Amino acid sequence: MVGKVLESILAQRTFLFVGYDFDDPDFNLLYDQIAYEIGAHGRASYAVMLDVEPLLVDDLHRRGIHVISLRPSEQLPLAAQMT
């Protein structure tokens, strides 16, 4: 049931993962299964991550997740604006 709902959402919406840990095996299994089922009909997903390794960027890109990689020093001006 949850898989079908997520499948519908992934096919119709763009996901933005912020601060998410892609080491969660349950999430990875579900996401990969849904991505396989919807194939080319799915929307692109994006992930905002700090200091991400190039191998992880490549792996996520193959899975349809585009990585926006930030360095911690780039976060300081944004954090200052939020206070």
Protein backbone atom coordinates (compact mmCIF):
# COMPACT_ATOMS: atom_id res chain seq x y z
CA MET A 1 0.00 0.00 0.00
CA VAL A 2 2.71 2.50 1.00
CA GLY A 3 4.74 1.49 -2.06
CA LYS A 4 1.87 2.31 -4.43
CA VAL A 5 1.32 5.70 -2.82
CA LEU A 6 5.03 6.54 -3.06
CA GLU A 7 5.11 5.25 -6.62
CA SER A 8 2.33 7.65 -7.54
CA ILE A 9 4.06 10.57 -5.80
CA LEU A 10 7.45 9.84 -7.41
CA ALA A 11 5.82 9.69 -10.83
CA GLN A 12 4.04 13.03 -10.39
CA ARG A 13 6.23 15.16 -8.11
CA THR A 14 9.84 16.24 -7.79
CA PHE A 15 11.46 15.11 -4.54
CA LEU A 16 13.98 17.24 -2.66
CA PHE A 17 15.96 15.37 -0.01
CA VAL A 18 17.63 17.73 2.48
CA GLY A 19 19.98 16.29 5.06
CA TYR A 20 18.87 12.73 4.32
CA ASP A 21 21.13 9.73 4.95
CA PHE A 22 21.05 7.45 1.92
CA ASP A 23 22.50 4.55 3.95
CA ASP A 24 19.01 3.51 5.15
CA PRO A 25 18.54 0.04 3.60
CA ASP A 26 14.73 0.11 3.93
CA PHE A 27 14.47 3.42 2.09
CA ASN A 28 16.94 2.31 -0.58
CA LEU A 29 15.06 -0.92 -1.24
CA LEU A 30 11.72 0.86 -1.53
CA TYR A 31 13.07 3.78 -3.60
CA ASP A 32 14.94 1.52 -6.02
CA GLN A 33 11.95 -0.80 -6.46
CA ILE A 34 9.62 2.11 -7.17
CA ALA A 35 12.13 3.79 -9.50
CA TYR A 36 12.46 0.51 -11.42
CA GLU A 37 8.69 0.13 -11.76
CA ILE A 38 8.01 3.68 -12.98
CA GLY A 39 11.14 3.76 -15.16
CA ALA A 40 11.39 6.77 -17.45
CA HIS A 41 7.98 8.04 -16.28
CA GLY A 42 9.39 9.21 -12.95
CA ARG A 43 10.39 12.77 -12.18
CA ALA A 44 13.92 13.75 -11.25
CA SER A 45 14.77 13.89 -7.56
CA TYR A 46 17.31 16.16 -5.91
CA ALA A 47 19.39 15.88 -2.75
CA VAL A 48 21.14 18.73 -0.93
CA MET A 49 24.19 17.31 0.84
CA LEU A 50 27.34 18.60 2.55
CA ASP A 51 30.78 17.50 1.32
CA VAL A 52 29.47 14.51 -0.60
CA GLU A 53 31.93 12.00 -2.04
CA PRO A 54 32.11 11.78 -5.86
CA LEU A 55 31.33 8.03 -5.79
CA LEU A 56 28.09 8.68 -3.90
CA VAL A 57 27.19 11.46 -6.36
CA ASP A 58 27.68 9.01 -9.24
CA ASP A 59 25.65 6.30 -7.51
CA LEU A 60 22.75 8.64 -6.74
CA HIS A 61 22.82 10.08 -10.25
CA ARG A 62 22.46 6.56 -11.69
CA ARG A 63 19.40 6.19 -9.46
CA GLY A 64 17.86 9.40 -10.78
CA ILE A 65 18.82 11.60 -7.82
CA HIS A 66 20.73 14.77 -8.71
CA VAL A 67 23.03 15.93 -5.93
CA ILE A 68 23.50 19.57 -4.96
CA SER A 69 26.77 19.40 -3.04
CA LEU A 70 27.61 22.19 -0.63
CA ARG A 71 30.74 22.81 1.40
CA PRO A 72 30.21 23.80 5.06
CA SER A 73 31.87 27.17 4.40
CA GLU A 74 29.07 27.94 1.92
CA GLN A 75 26.55 27.42 4.72
CA LEU A 76 27.83 30.20 6.97
CA PRO A 77 26.30 33.16 5.08
CA LEU A 78 22.98 31.30 4.84
CA ALA A 79 23.00 30.51 8.56
CA ALA A 80 23.78 34.14 9.39
CA GLN A 81 20.76 35.28 7.39
CA MET A 82 18.48 32.91 9.32
CA THR A 83 19.31 34.33 12.76
